Amino acid sequence: MLTPPIMTSDMLFEYLGIEAQPWSKGAPLKVIGFLPIKNERNTLWKLLHDLYSCTSVYKYGRVELNMFVTEKECRKLMANPQNPSLYQALSVLCQIAWGIKLLHTEPCSSFDTYTSDGQLEKQKRRESEKNLCFIQLTPHRNLFTGTLTPFNYDVFFHMLRQCFMKRNAKLIDRLHSLSPIDGMHILKQIKKKKDVKVINMYPEDFQRLFETIECSKDDTYKWLYDDFMEDVVM
């Protein structure tokens, strides 16, 4: 097996003559590849951090990804309150960040998978996932047109993480540990009933919740965890 040379995104883009474009413009580059099955979840989190912070390849604009992912992970990315067992913070962040399209589903048996030392992977291990999904991830043009920015995205990440720690709890109860602002006032502003549960909130509802708290003029301090935000690990 040949090991490709290591190259940073900056070096590659400079070599290809690709220049950074405003977020409002089209995709400066379309990438086709596979997410590593063994480290799929961590890779997705890394991509999300890069996108929301406009770093790595996303420093150049709305780079479009066309990737093979496991069917299990694909279902989680596209889940909503109608799929409560699959719905999670990652689902919300992916759908807020990207327009997600399922382009094709292919049996895993169509691919040969090799280990790091060049050996063909055992059939049983390959059959643990029946299908791979080829999906298109296109960053939303209007992602940063509102209150959400590359400078406060970490607060949005933490808000979702805290909410989904008790996914079946009432949202009002989670708000008490997130913000000093009156929870009932927030719910009225986002037009939700006082007994709404975290698991019943759609991605756009969470974005509206975040924007409502961020734009509130009632309190100087809008969040209760500013002092340890740097220690947050998704």
Protein backbone atom coordinates (compact mmCIF):
# COMPACT_ATOMS: atom_id res chain seq x y z
CA MET A 1 0.00 0.00 0.00
CA LEU A 2 1.09 3.55 -0.72
CA THR A 3 0.76 6.12 2.02
CA PRO A 4 -0.27 9.53 0.66
CA PRO A 5 1.95 12.45 1.68
CA ILE A 6 0.64 14.61 4.50
CA MET A 7 -0.58 18.02 3.35
CA THR A 8 -2.51 20.69 5.24
CA SER A 9 -5.64 22.23 3.74
CA ASP A 10 -3.79 25.55 3.37
CA MET A 11 -1.00 23.90 1.35
CA LEU A 12 -3.46 21.96 -0.80
CA PHE A 13 -5.68 24.95 -1.56
CA GLU A 14 -2.66 27.09 -2.41
CA TYR A 15 -1.34 24.34 -4.69
CA LEU A 16 -4.73 24.09 -6.45
CA GLY A 17 -5.03 27.86 -6.74
CA ILE A 18 -8.25 27.99 -4.70
CA GLU A 19 -8.94 31.30 -2.95
CA ALA A 20 -11.23 32.00 -0.02
CA GLN A 21 -14.75 33.09 -0.92
CA PRO A 22 -17.38 34.93 1.13
CA TRP A 23 -19.82 32.63 2.90
CA SER A 24 -22.64 34.05 0.79
CA LYS A 25 -21.04 32.75 -2.40
CA GLY A 26 -21.23 29.24 -3.85
CA ALA A 27 -19.04 26.28 -2.94
CA PRO A 28 -15.35 26.93 -3.79
CA LEU A 29 -14.68 23.20 -3.71
CA LYS A 30 -16.53 19.87 -3.71
CA VAL A 31 -14.95 17.01 -1.79
CA ILE A 32 -15.69 13.31 -2.35
CA GLY A 33 -14.61 10.67 0.13
CA PHE A 34 -15.35 8.28 3.00
CA LEU A 35 -15.73 8.95 6.68
CA PRO A 36 -13.54 6.47 8.60
CA ILE A 37 -15.93 3.90 10.07
CA LYS A 38 -13.82 3.32 13.19
CA ASN A 39 -13.73 7.02 14.02
CA GLU A 40 -16.86 8.25 12.28
CA ARG A 41 -18.43 10.11 15.17
CA ASN A 42 -15.27 11.98 16.17
CA THR A 43 -14.64 12.96 12.56
CA LEU A 44 -18.13 14.42 12.29
CA TRP A 45 -17.63 16.46 15.46
CA LYS A 46 -14.32 17.73 14.08
CA LEU A 47 -16.02 18.75 10.82
CA LEU A 48 -18.75 20.55 12.74
CA HIS A 49 -16.26 22.48 14.87
CA ASP A 50 -14.36 23.46 11.73
CA LEU A 51 -17.52 24.57 9.96
CA TYR A 52 -19.04 26.58 12.80
CA SER A 53 -15.69 28.26 13.51
CA CYS A 54 -14.91 28.78 9.79
CA THR A 55 -11.52 27.11 10.14
CA SER A 56 -9.66 24.41 8.19
CA VAL A 57 -11.28 23.92 4.75
CA TYR A 58 -14.24 26.08 5.77
CA LYS A 59 -11.91 29.05 6.00
CA TYR A 60 -12.27 29.08 2.21
CA GLY A 61 -16.07 29.20 2.18
CA ARG A 62 -18.99 26.79 1.94
CA VAL A 63 -17.08 23.65 0.94
CA GLU A 64 -19.47 20.90 -0.17
CA LEU A 65 -18.82 17.38 1.12
CA ASN A 66 -19.99 14.25 -0.71
CA MET A 67 -19.23 11.41 1.64
CA PHE A 68 -19.92 7.73 2.27
CA VAL A 69 -21.10 7.22 5.87
CA THR A 70 -22.57 4.22 7.62
CA GLU A 71 -26.34 3.87 7.37
CA LYS A 72 -26.62 4.01 11.15
CA GLU A 73 -24.82 7.35 11.33
CA CYS A 74 -26.75 8.71 8.36
CA ARG A 75 -30.04 8.04 10.13
CA LYS A 76 -28.79 9.90 13.21
CA LEU A 77 -27.70 12.91 11.16
CA MET A 78 -31.14 13.21 9.59
CA ALA A 79 -33.18 12.35 12.72
CA ASN A 80 -35.75 14.69 14.29
CA PRO A 81 -38.40 14.40 17.04
CA GLN A 82 -40.21 11.85 14.88
CA ASN A 83 -37.22 9.52 15.43
CA PRO A 84 -36.65 10.05 19.17
CA SER A 85 -34.31 7.09 19.66
CA LEU A 86 -31.88 8.50 17.07
CA TYR A 87 -32.34 12.23 17.70
CA GLN A 88 -29.42 13.91 19.50
CA ALA A 89 -27.35 17.08 19.68
CA LEU A 90 -25.32 15.93 16.67
CA SER A 91 -28.53 15.72 14.62
CA VAL A 92 -29.42 19.31 15.45
CA LEU A 93 -25.96 20.70 14.72
CA CYS A 94 -25.68 18.87 11.40
CA GLN A 95 -29.10 19.98 10.16
CA ILE A 96 -28.54 23.59 11.22
CA ALA A 97 -25.14 23.62 9.49
CA TRP A 98 -25.80 21.61 6.33
CA GLY A 99 -28.43 20.85 3.78
CA ILE A 100 -28.26 17.05 3.87
CA LYS A 101 -29.20 14.92 0.87
CA LEU A 102 -29.09 11.14 0.64
CA LEU A 103 -27.80 10.49 -2.87
CA HIS A 104 -27.31 6.73 -2.88
CA THR A 105 -27.23 3.63 -0.68
CA GLU A 106 -24.69 0.91 -1.46
CA PRO A 107 -24.17 -2.50 0.24
CA CYS A 108 -20.91 -2.72 2.17
CA SER A 109 -20.21 -5.94 0.30
CA SER A 110 -19.47 -3.76 -2.76
CA PHE A 111 -16.29 -2.48 -1.10
CA ASP A 112 -13.08 -4.18 -0.06
CA THR A 113 -11.74 -2.80 3.21
CA TYR A 114 -8.10 -3.10 4.19
CA THR A 115 -6.39 -2.79 7.55
CA SER A 116 -3.52 -0.37 8.18
CA ASP A 117 -0.99 -3.10 7.37
CA GLY A 118 -2.59 -3.81 3.99
CA GLN A 119 -4.54 -6.94 4.91
CA LEU A 120 -8.10 -7.49 3.69
CA GLU A 121 -10.51 -7.00 6.58
CA LYS A 122 -12.44 -10.04 7.76
CA GLN A 123 -15.89 -10.55 6.23
CA LYS A 124 -17.72 -10.69 9.58
CA ARG A 125 -16.34 -7.33 10.61
CA ARG A 126 -17.34 -5.76 7.29
CA GLU A 127 -20.85 -7.17 7.59
CA SER A 128 -21.45 -5.43 10.94
CA GLU A 129 -22.64 -2.52 8.77
CA LYS A 130 -24.90 -3.66 5.93
CA ASN A 131 -25.00 -0.45 3.91
CA LEU A 132 -23.07 2.73 3.28
CA CYS A 133 -24.93 5.93 2.44
CA PHE A 134 -23.53 8.47 -0.01
CA ILE A 135 -24.66 11.85 1.30
CA GLN A 136 -24.19 15.45 0.21
CA LEU A 137 -23.47 18.03 2.92
CA THR A 138 -23.88 21.61 1.69
CA PRO A 139 -23.32 24.39 4.26
CA HIS A 140 -26.35 26.66 4.56
CA ARG A 141 -25.78 30.06 3.00
CA ASN A 142 -27.69 31.79 5.83
CA LEU A 143 -25.95 29.98 8.71
CA PHE A 144 -24.26 33.15 9.99
CA THR A 145 -26.79 35.79 8.97
CA GLY A 146 -28.42 35.86 12.41
CA THR A 147 -27.14 35.81 15.99
CA LEU A 148 -25.04 32.67 15.55
CA THR A 149 -21.44 33.48 14.60
CA PRO A 150 -18.04 31.74 14.45
CA PHE A 151 -17.27 33.52 17.74
CA ASN A 152 -20.18 32.22 19.84
CA TYR A 153 -20.85 28.83 18.25
CA ASP A 154 -19.28 27.08 21.26
CA VAL A 155 -22.11 28.44 23.41
CA PHE A 156 -24.63 26.93 20.99
CA PHE A 157 -22.81 23.58 21.14
CA HIS A 158 -22.84 23.62 24.92
CA MET A 159 -26.51 24.59 25.10
CA LEU A 160 -27.42 21.56 22.99
CA ARG A 161 -25.15 19.24 24.92
CA GLN A 162 -26.75 20.31 28.21
CA CYS A 163 -30.27 19.97 26.81
CA PHE A 164 -29.74 16.46 25.46
CA MET A 165 -28.10 15.22 28.65
CA LYS A 166 -31.71 14.85 29.85
CA ARG A 167 -33.48 14.47 26.54
CA ASN A 168 -36.84 13.48 28.03
CA ALA A 169 -36.90 16.32 30.54
CA LYS A 170 -39.04 19.43 30.16
CA LEU A 171 -37.18 22.20 28.39
CA ILE A 172 -38.12 24.68 31.14
CA ASP A 173 -36.16 22.57 33.66
CA ARG A 174 -33.05 22.58 31.45
CA LEU A 175 -33.33 26.34 30.92
CA HIS A 176 -32.98 26.92 34.66
CA SER A 177 -29.47 25.45 34.52
CA LEU A 178 -28.54 27.25 31.31
CA SER A 179 -29.60 30.87 31.72
CA PRO A 180 -30.55 33.32 34.48
CA ILE A 181 -33.24 34.73 32.20
CA ASP A 182 -36.80 33.79 33.12
CA GLY A 183 -37.55 30.45 31.45
CA MET A 184 -41.27 31.08 30.99
CA HIS A 185 -40.50 34.36 29.24
CA ILE A 186 -38.14 32.55 26.86
CA LEU A 187 -40.73 29.87 26.07
CA LYS A 188 -43.33 32.52 25.29
CA GLN A 189 -40.95 34.23 22.91
CA ILE A 190 -40.23 31.02 20.98
CA LYS A 191 -43.95 30.12 21.15
CA LYS A 192 -43.56 26.86 23.06
CA LYS A 193 -45.75 25.48 25.84
CA LYS A 194 -44.36 25.21 29.35
CA ASP A 195 -44.47 21.41 29.28
CA VAL A 196 -42.56 20.99 25.97
CA LYS A 197 -39.80 18.38 26.24
CA VAL A 198 -36.28 18.62 24.85
CA ILE A 199 -36.92 15.65 22.58
CA ASN A 200 -39.90 17.44 21.00
CA MET A 201 -37.84 20.43 19.83
CA TYR A 202 -36.88 20.54 16.14
CA PRO A 203 -33.44 21.85 15.04
CA GLU A 204 -34.88 25.22 14.01
CA ASP A 205 -36.54 25.46 17.46
CA PHE A 206 -33.15 25.10 19.17
CA GLN A 207 -31.65 27.74 16.92
CA ARG A 208 -34.53 30.08 17.77
CA LEU A 209 -34.02 29.32 21.47
CA PHE A 210 -30.33 30.19 21.26
CA GLU A 211 -30.99 33.41 19.36
CA THR A 212 -33.71 34.46 21.81
CA ILE A 213 -31.40 34.09 24.80
CA GLU A 214 -28.48 35.76 23.01
CA CYS A 215 -30.63 38.73 22.01
CA SER A 216 -32.29 39.15 25.39
CA LYS A 217 -31.90 42.58 26.98
CA ASP A 218 -33.19 41.50 30.39
CA ASP A 219 -29.86 40.42 31.86
CA THR A 220 -26.21 41.39 31.54
CA TYR A 221 -25.24 37.72 31.84
CA LYS A 222 -27.26 35.53 29.50
CA TRP A 223 -25.60 32.18 30.27
CA LEU A 224 -24.68 30.49 33.56
CA TYR A 225 -21.49 28.75 32.42
CA ASP A 226 -19.31 31.46 30.91
CA ASP A 227 -16.53 30.82 33.44
CA PHE A 228 -15.90 27.26 32.27
CA MET A 229 -16.83 27.42 28.59
CA GLU A 230 -13.18 26.84 27.63
CA ASP A 231 -13.31 23.46 29.34
CA VAL A 232 -16.27 22.22 27.30
CA VAL A 233 -15.45 19.06 25.35
CA MET A 234 -18.05 17.76 22.91
